[in-house]
Amino acid sequence: MIPAHPATAEIFAAPIHPCAQTYYDRLHPWMIIRQLPKMQRLTLCRFRQRSEAEAYLKALQRLSPEATYQIIFDPADRSDHLVDGTEDD
Protein backbone atom coordinates (compact mmCIF):
# COMPACT_ATOMS: atom_id res chain seq x y z
CA MET A 1 0.00 0.00 0.00
CA ILE A 2 1.19 3.52 -0.76
CA PRO A 3 1.56 5.53 2.45
CA ALA A 4 0.08 9.01 2.72
CA HIS A 5 2.02 11.88 4.21
CA PRO A 6 0.90 11.93 7.89
CA ALA A 7 0.67 15.72 8.06
CA THR A 8 -1.75 15.93 5.15
CA ALA A 9 -4.21 13.12 5.88
CA GLU A 10 -7.08 15.26 7.12
CA ILE A 11 -10.82 15.34 6.50
CA PHE A 12 -12.14 18.65 5.19
CA ALA A 13 -15.81 19.53 5.59
CA ALA A 14 -15.36 23.01 4.10
CA PRO A 15 -12.65 24.77 2.12
CA ILE A 16 -9.79 26.21 4.13
CA HIS A 17 -8.83 29.83 3.65
CA PRO A 18 -5.52 30.08 1.74
CA CYS A 19 -3.87 31.97 4.62
CA ALA A 20 -4.28 28.82 6.74
CA GLN A 21 -2.06 26.79 4.40
CA THR A 22 1.30 25.65 5.67
CA TYR A 23 4.54 26.27 3.80
CA TYR A 24 4.56 22.61 2.71
CA ASP A 25 1.02 22.96 1.33
CA ARG A 26 1.96 26.04 -0.71
CA LEU A 27 4.93 24.18 -2.23
CA HIS A 28 2.76 21.15 -3.08
CA PRO A 29 -0.45 22.51 -4.70
CA TRP A 30 -1.57 19.29 -6.45
CA MET A 31 -3.67 17.08 -4.18
CA ILE A 32 -5.18 13.62 -4.46
CA ILE A 33 -8.41 13.42 -2.54
CA ARG A 34 -10.78 10.57 -1.80
CA GLN A 35 -14.39 11.56 -2.06
CA LEU A 36 -16.47 10.61 0.99
CA PRO A 37 -20.22 10.73 1.71
CA LYS A 38 -21.93 14.01 2.61
CA MET A 39 -19.64 16.16 0.42
CA GLN A 40 -16.57 15.44 2.55
CA ARG A 41 -13.13 14.63 1.27
CA LEU A 42 -9.97 13.03 2.57
CA THR A 43 -6.67 14.51 1.43
CA LEU A 44 -4.36 11.58 0.80
CA CYS A 45 -1.22 13.35 -0.38
CA ARG A 46 0.15 16.49 -2.01
CA PHE A 47 2.57 16.93 -4.91
CA ARG A 48 4.58 19.70 -6.54
CA GLN A 49 3.83 18.53 -10.08
CA ARG A 50 0.63 17.26 -11.68
CA SER A 51 2.48 14.43 -13.42
CA GLU A 52 3.54 13.05 -10.02
CA ALA A 53 -0.06 13.18 -8.82
CA GLU A 54 -1.31 11.40 -11.95
CA ALA A 55 1.20 8.56 -11.50
CA TYR A 56 0.21 8.18 -7.84
CA LEU A 57 -3.49 8.25 -8.78
CA LYS A 58 -3.01 5.37 -11.24
CA ALA A 59 -1.39 3.28 -8.49
CA LEU A 60 -4.21 4.10 -6.04
CA GLN A 61 -6.87 3.15 -8.57
CA ARG A 62 -5.18 -0.21 -9.16
CA LEU A 63 -4.94 -0.90 -5.42
CA SER A 64 -8.52 0.05 -4.52
CA PRO A 65 -10.74 0.43 -7.61
CA GLU A 66 -13.94 0.74 -5.55
CA ALA A 67 -12.90 4.13 -4.10
CA THR A 68 -13.36 7.45 -5.91
CA TYR A 69 -10.19 9.56 -6.15
CA GLN A 70 -9.65 12.93 -7.78
CA ILE A 71 -6.74 15.24 -8.50
CA ILE A 72 -7.35 18.86 -7.55
CA PHE A 73 -5.24 22.02 -7.63
CA ASP A 74 -5.18 23.96 -4.38
CA PRO A 75 -3.48 27.30 -5.19
CA ALA A 76 -1.48 29.31 -2.69
CA ASP A 77 -2.58 32.59 -1.14
CA ARG A 78 -3.86 35.07 -3.73
CA SER A 79 -3.13 38.69 -2.89
CA ASP A 80 -6.08 40.05 -4.92
CA HIS A 81 -8.67 38.65 -2.48
CA LEU A 82 -9.67 39.90 0.93
CA VAL A 83 -10.04 37.66 3.97
CA ASP A 84 -13.80 37.33 3.40
CA GLY A 85 -13.23 36.08 -0.16
CA THR A 86 -14.34 39.17 -2.08
CA GLU A 87 -12.14 40.75 -4.70
CA ASP A 88 -10.34 44.07 -4.26
CA ASP A 89 -11.47 46.83 -6.62
PDB file of N, CA and C in Angstrom:
ATOM      1  N   MET A   1       0.841  -1.188   0.000  1.00  0.00           N
ATOM      2  CA  MET A   1       0.000   0.000   0.000  1.00  0.00           C
ATOM      3  C   MET A   1       0.876   1.237   0.000  1.00  0.00           C
ATOM      4  N   ILE A   2       0.435   2.283  -0.662  1.00  0.00           N
ATOM      5  CA  ILE A   2       1.194   3.518  -0.762  1.00  0.00           C
ATOM      6  C   ILE A   2       0.849   4.384   0.446  1.00  0.00           C
ATOM      7  N   PRO A   3       1.854   4.749   1.260  1.00  0.00           N
ATOM      8  CA  PRO A   3       1.561   5.532   2.453  1.00  0.00           C
ATOM      9  C   PRO A   3       1.262   6.986   2.114  1.00  0.00           C
ATOM     10  N   ALA A   4       0.373   7.589   2.865  1.00  0.00           N
ATOM     11  CA  ALA A   4       0.077   9.008   2.722  1.00  0.00           C
ATOM     12  C   ALA A   4       0.960   9.793   3.676  1.00  0.00           C
ATOM     13  N   HIS A   5       1.228  11.023   3.335  1.00  0.00           N
ATOM     14  CA  HIS A   5       2.016  11.877   4.215  1.00  0.00           C
ATOM     15  C   HIS A   5       1.190  12.132   5.476  1.00  0.00           C
ATOM     16  N   PRO A   6       1.715  11.826   6.675  1.00  0.00           N
ATOM     17  CA  PRO A   6       0.900  11.927   7.889  1.00  0.00           C
ATOM     18  C   PRO A   6       0.388  13.329   8.181  1.00  0.00           C
ATOM     19  N   ALA A   7       1.107  14.352   7.759  1.00  0.00           N
ATOM     20  CA  ALA A   7       0.673  15.715   8.060  1.00  0.00           C
ATOM     21  C   ALA A   7      -0.468  16.170   7.170  1.00  0.00           C
ATOM     22  N   THR A   8      -0.717  15.462   6.064  1.00  0.00           N
ATOM     23  CA  THR A   8      -1.752  15.932   5.145  1.00  0.00           C
ATOM     24  C   THR A   8      -2.985  15.050   5.115  1.00  0.00           C
ATOM     25  N   ALA A   9      -3.027  13.987   5.876  1.00  0.00           N
ATOM     26  CA  ALA A   9      -4.210  13.119   5.876  1.00  0.00           C
ATOM     27  C   ALA A   9      -5.240  13.693   6.833  1.00  0.00           C
ATOM     28  N   GLU A  10      -6.063  14.590   6.314  1.00  0.00           N
ATOM     29  CA  GLU A  10      -7.085  15.260   7.120  1.00  0.00           C
ATOM     30  C   GLU A  10      -8.416  15.198   6.385  1.00  0.00           C
ATOM     31  N   ILE A  11      -9.497  15.283   7.125  1.00  0.00           N
ATOM     32  CA  ILE A  11     -10.822  15.338   6.503  1.00  0.00           C
ATOM     33  C   ILE A  11     -11.276  16.790   6.513  1.00  0.00           C
ATOM     34  N   PHE A  12     -11.685  17.273   5.322  1.00  0.00           N
ATOM     35  CA  PHE A  12     -12.143  18.650   5.187  1.00  0.00           C
ATOM     36  C   PHE A  12     -13.644  18.657   4.966  1.00  0.00           C
ATOM     37  N   ALA A  13     -14.372  19.377   5.788  1.00  0.00           N
ATOM     38  CA  ALA A  13     -15.808  19.525   5.586  1.00  0.00           C
ATOM     39  C   ALA A  13     -16.105  20.785   4.780  1.00  0.00           C
ATOM     40  N   ALA A  14     -15.199  21.757   4.826  1.00  0.00           N
ATOM     41  CA  ALA A  14     -15.363  23.008   4.097  1.00  0.00           C
ATOM     42  C   ALA A  14     -13.989  23.462   3.620  1.00  0.00           C
ATOM     43  N   PRO A  15     -13.945  24.308   2.596  1.00  0.00           N
ATOM     44  CA  PRO A  15     -12.647  24.767   2.117  1.00  0.00           C
ATOM     45  C   PRO A  15     -11.920  25.589   3.176  1.00  0.00           C
ATOM     46  N   ILE A  16     -10.622  25.477   3.176  1.00  0.00           N
ATOM     47  CA  ILE A  16      -9.789  26.214   4.126  1.00  0.00           C
ATOM     48  C   ILE A  16      -9.317  27.485   3.450  1.00  0.00           C
ATOM     49  N   HIS A  17      -9.310  28.572   4.187  1.00  0.00           N
ATOM     50  CA  HIS A  17      -8.831  29.830   3.652  1.00  0.00           C
ATOM     51  C   HIS A  17      -7.351  29.698   3.304  1.00  0.00           C
ATOM     52  N   PRO A  18      -6.904  30.245   2.162  1.00  0.00           N
ATOM     53  CA  PRO A  18      -5.515  30.080   1.742  1.00  0.00           C
ATOM     54  C   PRO A  18      -4.486  30.545   2.762  1.00  0.00           C
ATOM     55  N   CYS A  19      -4.824  31.502   3.603  1.00  0.00           N
ATOM     56  CA  CYS A  19      -3.869  31.969   4.616  1.00  0.00           C
ATOM     57  C   CYS A  19      -3.582  30.887   5.644  1.00  0.00           C
ATOM     58  N   ALA A  20      -4.463  29.892   5.763  1.00  0.00           N
ATOM     59  CA  ALA A  20      -4.276  28.818   6.742  1.00  0.00           C
ATOM     60  C   ALA A  20      -3.363  27.720   6.218  1.00  0.00           C
ATOM     61  N   GLN A  21      -2.914  27.812   4.965  1.00  0.00           N
ATOM     62  CA  GLN A  21      -2.059  26.788   4.404  1.00  0.00           C
ATOM     63  C   GLN A  21      -0.663  26.861   5.025  1.00  0.00           C
ATOM     64  N   THR A  22      -0.062  25.698   5.176  1.00  0.00           N
ATOM     65  CA  THR A  22       1.305  25.649   5.669  1.00  0.00           C
ATOM     66  C   THR A  22       2.258  25.884   4.509  1.00  0.00           C
ATOM     67  N   TYR A  23       3.528  26.071   4.825  1.00  0.00           N
ATOM     68  CA  TYR A  23       4.544  26.267   3.795  1.00  0.00           C
ATOM     69  C   TYR A  23       4.624  25.043   2.890  1.00  0.00           C
ATOM     70  N   TYR A  24       4.534  23.850   3.478  1.00  0.00           N
ATOM     71  CA  TYR A  24       4.557  22.606   2.712  1.00  0.00           C
ATOM     72  C   TYR A  24       3.382  22.570   1.726  1.00  0.00           C
ATOM     73  N   ASP A  25       2.208  22.971   2.181  1.00  0.00           N
ATOM     74  CA  ASP A  25       1.016  22.962   1.327  1.00  0.00           C
ATOM     75  C   ASP A  25       1.165  23.919   0.147  1.00  0.00           C
ATOM     76  N   ARG A  26       1.776  25.088   0.382  1.00  0.00           N
ATOM     77  CA  ARG A  26       1.962  26.044  -0.709  1.00  0.00           C
ATOM     78  C   ARG A  26       2.962  25.533  -1.739  1.00  0.00           C
ATOM     79  N   LEU A  27       3.942  24.738  -1.306  1.00  0.00           N
ATOM     80  CA  LEU A  27       4.929  24.183  -2.231  1.00  0.00           C
ATOM     81  C   LEU A  27       4.392  22.981  -2.987  1.00  0.00           C
ATOM     82  N   HIS A  28       3.333  22.364  -2.488  1.00  0.00           N
ATOM     83  CA  HIS A  28       2.755  21.155  -3.080  1.00  0.00           C
ATOM     84  C   HIS A  28       1.268  21.395  -3.374  1.00  0.00           C
ATOM     85  N   PRO A  29       0.946  22.135  -4.458  1.00  0.00           N
ATOM     86  CA  PRO A  29      -0.448  22.513  -4.700  1.00  0.00           C
ATOM     87  C   PRO A  29      -1.335  21.411  -5.273  1.00  0.00           C
ATOM     88  N   TRP A  30      -0.766  20.356  -5.866  1.00  0.00           N
ATOM     89  CA  TRP A  30      -1.570  19.285  -6.454  1.00  0.00           C
ATOM     90  C   TRP A  30      -1.908  18.269  -5.387  1.00  0.00           C
ATOM     91  N   MET A  31      -3.204  17.985  -5.222  1.00  0.00           N
ATOM     92  CA  MET A  31      -3.666  17.077  -4.175  1.00  0.00           C
ATOM     93  C   MET A  31      -4.423  15.910  -4.786  1.00  0.00           C
ATOM     94  N   ILE A  32      -4.296  14.749  -4.145  1.00  0.00           N
ATOM     95  CA  ILE A  32      -5.182  13.624  -4.460  1.00  0.00           C
ATOM     96  C   ILE A  32      -6.127  13.496  -3.280  1.00  0.00           C
ATOM     97  N   ILE A  33      -7.409  13.542  -3.597  1.00  0.00           N
ATOM     98  CA  ILE A  33      -8.413  13.415  -2.544  1.00  0.00           C
ATOM     99  C   ILE A  33      -9.248  12.173  -2.792  1.00  0.00           C
ATOM    100  N   ARG A  34      -9.800  11.649  -1.714  1.00  0.00           N
ATOM    101  CA  ARG A  34     -10.783  10.572  -1.804  1.00  0.00           C
ATOM    102  C   ARG A  34     -12.120  11.169  -1.435  1.00  0.00           C
ATOM    103  N   GLN A  35     -13.075  10.997  -2.311  1.00  0.00           N
ATOM    104  CA  GLN A  35     -14.395  11.558  -2.055  1.00  0.00           C
ATOM    105  C   GLN A  35     -15.147  10.665  -1.078  1.00  0.00           C
ATOM    106  N   LEU A  36     -15.736  11.302  -0.070  1.00  0.00           N
ATOM    107  CA  LEU A  36     -16.475  10.614   0.988  1.00  0.00           C
ATOM    108  C   LEU A  36     -17.940  11.038   0.940  1.00  0.00           C
ATOM    109  N   PRO A  37     -18.804  10.329   1.658  1.00  0.00           N
ATOM    110  CA  PRO A  37     -20.217  10.732   1.708  1.00  0.00           C
ATOM    111  C   PRO A  37     -20.404  12.115   2.334  1.00  0.00           C
ATOM    112  N   LYS A  38     -21.538  12.715   2.057  1.00  0.00           N
ATOM    113  CA  LYS A  38     -21.934  14.010   2.609  1.00  0.00           C
ATOM    114  C   LYS A  38     -20.968  15.127   2.221  1.00  0.00           C
ATOM    115  N   MET A  39     -20.499  15.097   0.974  1.00  0.00           N
ATOM    116  CA  MET A  39     -19.644  16.158   0.422  1.00  0.00           C
ATOM    117  C   MET A  39     -18.349  16.371   1.209  1.00  0.00           C
ATOM    118  N   GLN A  40     -17.851  15.350   1.852  1.00  0.00           N
ATOM    119  CA  GLN A  40     -16.574  15.444   2.552  1.00  0.00           C
ATOM    120  C   GLN A  40     -15.489  14.863   1.671  1.00  0.00           C
ATOM    121  N   ARG A  41     -14.244  15.179   2.015  1.00  0.00           N
ATOM    122  CA  ARG A  41     -13.127  14.634   1.267  1.00  0.00           C
ATOM    123  C   ARG A  41     -11.959  14.361   2.201  1.00  0.00           C
ATOM    124  N   LEU A  42     -11.157  13.406   1.813  1.00  0.00           N
ATOM    125  CA  LEU A  42      -9.974  13.030   2.567  1.00  0.00           C
ATOM    126  C   LEU A  42      -8.766  13.333   1.698  1.00  0.00           C
ATOM    127  N   THR A  43      -7.887  14.203   2.164  1.00  0.00           N
ATOM    128  CA  THR A  43      -6.674  14.509   1.425  1.00  0.00           C
ATOM    129  C   THR A  43      -5.673  13.402   1.695  1.00  0.00           C
ATOM    130  N   LEU A  44      -5.291  12.693   0.643  1.00  0.00           N
ATOM    131  CA  LEU A  44      -4.364  11.583   0.803  1.00  0.00           C
ATOM    132  C   LEU A  44      -2.923  12.032   0.730  1.00  0.00           C
ATOM    133  N   CYS A  45      -2.599  12.885  -0.238  1.00  0.00           N
ATOM    134  CA  CYS A  45      -1.224  13.348  -0.380  1.00  0.00           C
ATOM    135  C   CYS A  45      -1.184  14.581  -1.272  1.00  0.00           C
ATOM    136  N   ARG A  46      -0.049  15.272  -1.235  1.00  0.00           N
ATOM    137  CA  ARG A  46       0.154  16.490  -2.014  1.00  0.00           C
ATOM    138  C   ARG A  46       1.423  16.341  -2.848  1.00  0.00           C
ATOM    139  N   PHE A  47       1.438  17.021  -3.999  1.00  0.00           N
ATOM    140  CA  PHE A  47       2.568  16.928  -4.912  1.00  0.00           C
ATOM    141  C   PHE A  47       2.911  18.297  -5.474  1.00  0.00           C
ATOM    142  N   ARG A  48       4.164  18.467  -5.892  1.00  0.00           N
ATOM    143  CA  ARG A  48       4.581  19.703  -6.541  1.00  0.00           C
ATOM    144  C   ARG A  48       4.145  19.735  -7.995  1.00  0.00           C
ATOM    145  N   GLN A  49       4.145  18.583  -8.662  1.00  0.00           N
ATOM    146  CA  GLN A  49       3.833  18.529 -10.084  1.00  0.00           C
ATOM    147  C   GLN A  49       2.617  17.640 -10.343  1.00  0.00           C
ATOM    148  N   ARG A  50       1.823  18.043 -11.334  1.00  0.00           N
ATOM    149  CA  ARG A  50       0.630  17.264 -11.683  1.00  0.00           C
ATOM    150  C   ARG A  50       0.997  15.866 -12.169  1.00  0.00           C
ATOM    151  N   SER A  51       2.092  15.742 -12.898  1.00  0.00           N
ATOM    152  CA  SER A  51       2.478  14.426 -13.416  1.00  0.00           C
ATOM    153  C   SER A  51       2.762  13.431 -12.284  1.00  0.00           C
ATOM    154  N   GLU A  52       3.325  13.919 -11.180  1.00  0.00           N
ATOM    155  CA  GLU A  52       3.543  13.050 -10.017  1.00  0.00           C
ATOM    156  C   GLU A  52       2.209  12.591  -9.439  1.00  0.00           C
ATOM    157  N   ALA A  53       1.257  13.513  -9.354  1.00  0.00           N
ATOM    158  CA  ALA A  53      -0.065  13.182  -8.818  1.00  0.00           C
ATOM    159  C   ALA A  53      -0.784  12.179  -9.714  1.00  0.00           C
ATOM    160  N   GLU A  54      -0.654  12.329 -11.022  1.00  0.00           N
ATOM    161  CA  GLU A  54      -1.306  11.402 -11.951  1.00  0.00           C
ATOM    162  C   GLU A  54      -0.735   9.993 -11.821  1.00  0.00           C
ATOM    163  N   ALA A  55       0.578   9.870 -11.664  1.00  0.00           N
ATOM    164  CA  ALA A  55       1.203   8.556 -11.496  1.00  0.00           C
ATOM    165  C   ALA A  55       0.737   7.901 -10.197  1.00  0.00           C
ATOM    166  N   TYR A  56       0.664   8.687  -9.135  1.00  0.00           N
ATOM    167  CA  TYR A  56       0.211   8.176  -7.839  1.00  0.00           C
ATOM    168  C   TYR A  56      -1.252   7.762  -7.910  1.00  0.00           C
ATOM    169  N   LEU A  57      -2.065   8.551  -8.625  1.00  0.00           N
ATOM    170  CA  LEU A  57      -3.486   8.249  -8.781  1.00  0.00           C
ATOM    171  C   LEU A  57      -3.689   6.918  -9.497  1.00  0.00           C
ATOM    172  N   LYS A  58      -2.898   6.646 -10.528  1.00  0.00           N
ATOM    173  CA  LYS A  58      -3.005   5.372 -11.236  1.00  0.00           C
ATOM    174  C   LYS A  58      -2.724   4.203 -10.303  1.00  0.00           C
ATOM    175  N   ALA A  59      -1.714   4.340  -9.448  1.00  0.00           N
ATOM    176  CA  ALA A  59      -1.390   3.284  -8.491  1.00  0.00           C
ATOM    177  C   ALA A  59      -2.524   3.093  -7.487  1.00  0.00           C
ATOM    178  N   LEU A  60      -3.095   4.192  -6.990  1.00  0.00           N
ATOM    179  CA  LEU A  60      -4.213   4.105  -6.044  1.00  0.00           C
ATOM    180  C   LEU A  60      -5.416   3.410  -6.662  1.00  0.00           C
ATOM    181  N   GLN A  61      -5.711   3.744  -7.904  1.00  0.00           N
ATOM    182  CA  GLN A  61      -6.872   3.145  -8.568  1.00  0.00           C
ATOM    183  C   GLN A  61      -6.674   1.655  -8.807  1.00  0.00           C
ATOM    184  N   ARG A  62      -5.439   1.224  -9.017  1.00  0.00           N
ATOM    185  CA  ARG A  62      -5.176  -0.214  -9.162  1.00  0.00           C
ATOM    186  C   ARG A  62      -5.314  -0.933  -7.822  1.00  0.00           C
ATOM    187  N   LEU A  63      -4.905  -0.266  -6.730  1.00  0.00           N
ATOM    188  CA  LEU A  63      -4.945  -0.900  -5.417  1.00  0.00           C
ATOM    189  C   LEU A  63      -6.351  -0.962  -4.822  1.00  0.00           C
ATOM    190  N   SER A  64      -7.148   0.065  -5.047  1.00  0.00           N
ATOM    191  CA  SER A  64      -8.520   0.054  -4.523  1.00  0.00           C
ATOM    192  C   SER A  64      -9.461   0.679  -5.556  1.00  0.00           C
ATOM    193  N   PRO A  65      -9.886  -0.097  -6.532  1.00  0.00           N
ATOM    194  CA  PRO A  65     -10.737   0.434  -7.608  1.00  0.00           C
ATOM    195  C   PRO A  65     -12.138   0.840  -7.161  1.00  0.00           C
ATOM    196  N   GLU A  66     -12.588   0.392  -5.998  1.00  0.00           N
ATOM    197  CA  GLU A  66     -13.935   0.736  -5.549  1.00  0.00           C
ATOM    198  C   GLU A  66     -14.025   2.160  -5.010  1.00  0.00           C
ATOM    199  N   ALA A  67     -12.909   2.771  -4.642  1.00  0.00           N
ATOM    200  CA  ALA A  67     -12.901   4.131  -4.100  1.00  0.00           C
ATOM    201  C   ALA A  67     -12.873   5.153  -5.234  1.00  0.00           C
ATOM    202  N   THR A  68     -13.354   6.366  -4.937  1.00  0.00           N
ATOM    203  CA  THR A  68     -13.357   7.452  -5.910  1.00  0.00           C
ATOM    204  C   THR A  68     -12.286   8.456  -5.513  1.00  0.00           C
ATOM    205  N   TYR A  69     -11.288   8.618  -6.389  1.00  0.00           N
ATOM    206  CA  TYR A  69     -10.194   9.564  -6.154  1.00  0.00           C
ATOM    207  C   TYR A  69     -10.248  10.656  -7.199  1.00  0.00           C
ATOM    208  N   GLN A  70      -9.666  11.817  -6.854  1.00  0.00           N
ATOM    209  CA  GLN A  70      -9.654  12.927  -7.781  1.00  0.00           C
ATOM    210  C   GLN A  70      -8.405  13.763  -7.526  1.00  0.00           C
ATOM    211  N   ILE A  71      -7.848  14.302  -8.603  1.00  0.00           N
ATOM    212  CA  ILE A  71      -6.736  15.244  -8.495  1.00  0.00           C
ATOM    213  C   ILE A  71      -7.313  16.644  -8.521  1.00  0.00           C
ATOM    214  N   ILE A  72      -6.908  17.466  -7.560  1.00  0.00           N
ATOM    215  CA  ILE A  72      -7.352  18.860  -7.551  1.00  0.00           C
ATOM    216  C   ILE A  72      -6.144  19.765  -7.357  1.00  0.00           C
ATOM    217  N   PHE A  73      -6.281  21.003  -7.799  1.00  0.00           N
ATOM    218  CA  PHE A  73      -5.245  22.015  -7.634  1.00  0.00           C
ATOM    219  C   PHE A  73      -5.691  22.956  -6.539  1.00  0.00           C
ATOM    220  N   ASP A  74      -4.873  23.114  -5.517  1.00  0.00           N
ATOM    221  CA  ASP A  74      -5.175  23.964  -4.377  1.00  0.00           C
ATOM    222  C   ASP A  74      -4.155  25.105  -4.375  1.00  0.00           C
ATOM    223  N   PRO A  75      -4.471  26.237  -5.031  1.00  0.00           N
ATOM    224  CA  PRO A  75      -3.483  27.303  -5.185  1.00  0.00           C
ATOM    225  C   PRO A  75      -3.120  27.971  -3.871  1.00  0.00           C
ATOM    226  N   ALA A  76      -1.968  28.592  -3.877  1.00  0.00           N
ATOM    227  CA  ALA A  76      -1.484  29.312  -2.694  1.00  0.00           C
ATOM    228  C   ALA A  76      -2.266  30.603  -2.512  1.00  0.00           C
ATOM    229  N   ASP A  77      -1.927  31.329  -1.482  1.00  0.00           N
ATOM    230  CA  ASP A  77      -2.579  32.590  -1.139  1.00  0.00           C
ATOM    231  C   ASP A  77      -2.583  33.542  -2.333  1.00  0.00           C
ATOM    232  N   ARG A  78      -3.751  34.085  -2.649  1.00  0.00           N
ATOM    233  CA  ARG A  78      -3.862  35.072  -3.727  1.00  0.00           C
ATOM    234  C   ARG A  78      -3.999  36.448  -3.110  1.00  0.00           C
ATOM    235  N   SER A  79      -3.145  37.361  -3.497  1.00  0.00           N
ATOM    236  CA  SER A  79      -3.129  38.692  -2.886  1.00  0.00           C
ATOM    237  C   SER A  79      -4.269  39.590  -3.360  1.00  0.00           C
ATOM    238  N   ASP A  80      -4.997  39.204  -4.427  1.00  0.00           N
ATOM    239  CA  ASP A  80      -6.083  40.049  -4.922  1.00  0.00           C
ATOM    240  C   ASP A  80      -7.422  39.748  -4.256  1.00  0.00           C
ATOM    241  N   HIS A  81      -7.436  38.958  -3.199  1.00  0.00           N
ATOM    242  CA  HIS A  81      -8.672  38.654  -2.476  1.00  0.00           C
ATOM    243  C   HIS A  81      -8.535  39.085  -1.021  1.00  0.00           C
ATOM    244  N   LEU A  82      -9.617  39.556  -0.485  1.00  0.00           N
ATOM    245  CA  LEU A  82      -9.669  39.901   0.929  1.00  0.00           C
ATOM    246  C   LEU A  82      -9.894  38.650   1.752  1.00  0.00           C
ATOM    247  N   VAL A  83      -9.844  38.793   3.063  1.00  0.00           N
ATOM    248  CA  VAL A  83     -10.042  37.663   3.966  1.00  0.00           C
ATOM    249  C   VAL A  83     -11.434  37.058   3.805  1.00  0.00           C
ATOM    250  N   ASP A  84     -12.450  37.864   3.525  1.00  0.00           N
ATOM    251  CA  ASP A  84     -13.803  37.330   3.398  1.00  0.00           C
ATOM    252  C   ASP A  84     -14.078  36.702   2.031  1.00  0.00           C
ATOM    253  N   GLY A  85     -13.083  36.737   1.129  1.00  0.00           N
ATOM    254  CA  GLY A  85     -13.235  36.080  -0.156  1.00  0.00           C
ATOM    255  C   GLY A  85     -13.707  36.966  -1.281  1.00  0.00           C
ATOM    256  N   THR A  86     -13.921  38.271  -1.013  1.00  0.00           N
ATOM    257  CA  THR A  86     -14.345  39.168  -2.076  1.00  0.00           C
ATOM    258  C   THR A  86     -13.119  39.784  -2.728  1.00  0.00           C
ATOM    259  N   GLU A  87     -13.265  40.176  -3.971  1.00  0.00           N
ATOM    260  CA  GLU A  87     -12.143  40.749  -4.705  1.00  0.00           C
ATOM    261  C   GLU A  87     -11.946  42.215  -4.377  1.00  0.00           C
ATOM    262  N   ASP A  88     -10.667  42.649  -4.416  1.00  0.00           N
ATOM    263  CA  ASP A  88     -10.343  44.067  -4.259  1.00  0.00           C
ATOM    264  C   ASP A  88     -10.695  44.797  -5.542  1.00  0.00           C
ATOM    265  N   ASP A  89     -11.172  46.015  -5.435  1.00  0.00           N
ATOM    266  CA  ASP A  89     -11.470  46.833  -6.622  1.00  0.00           C
ATOM    267  C   ASP A  89     -10.567  48.036  -6.660  1.00  0.00           C
TER     268      ASP A  89
END
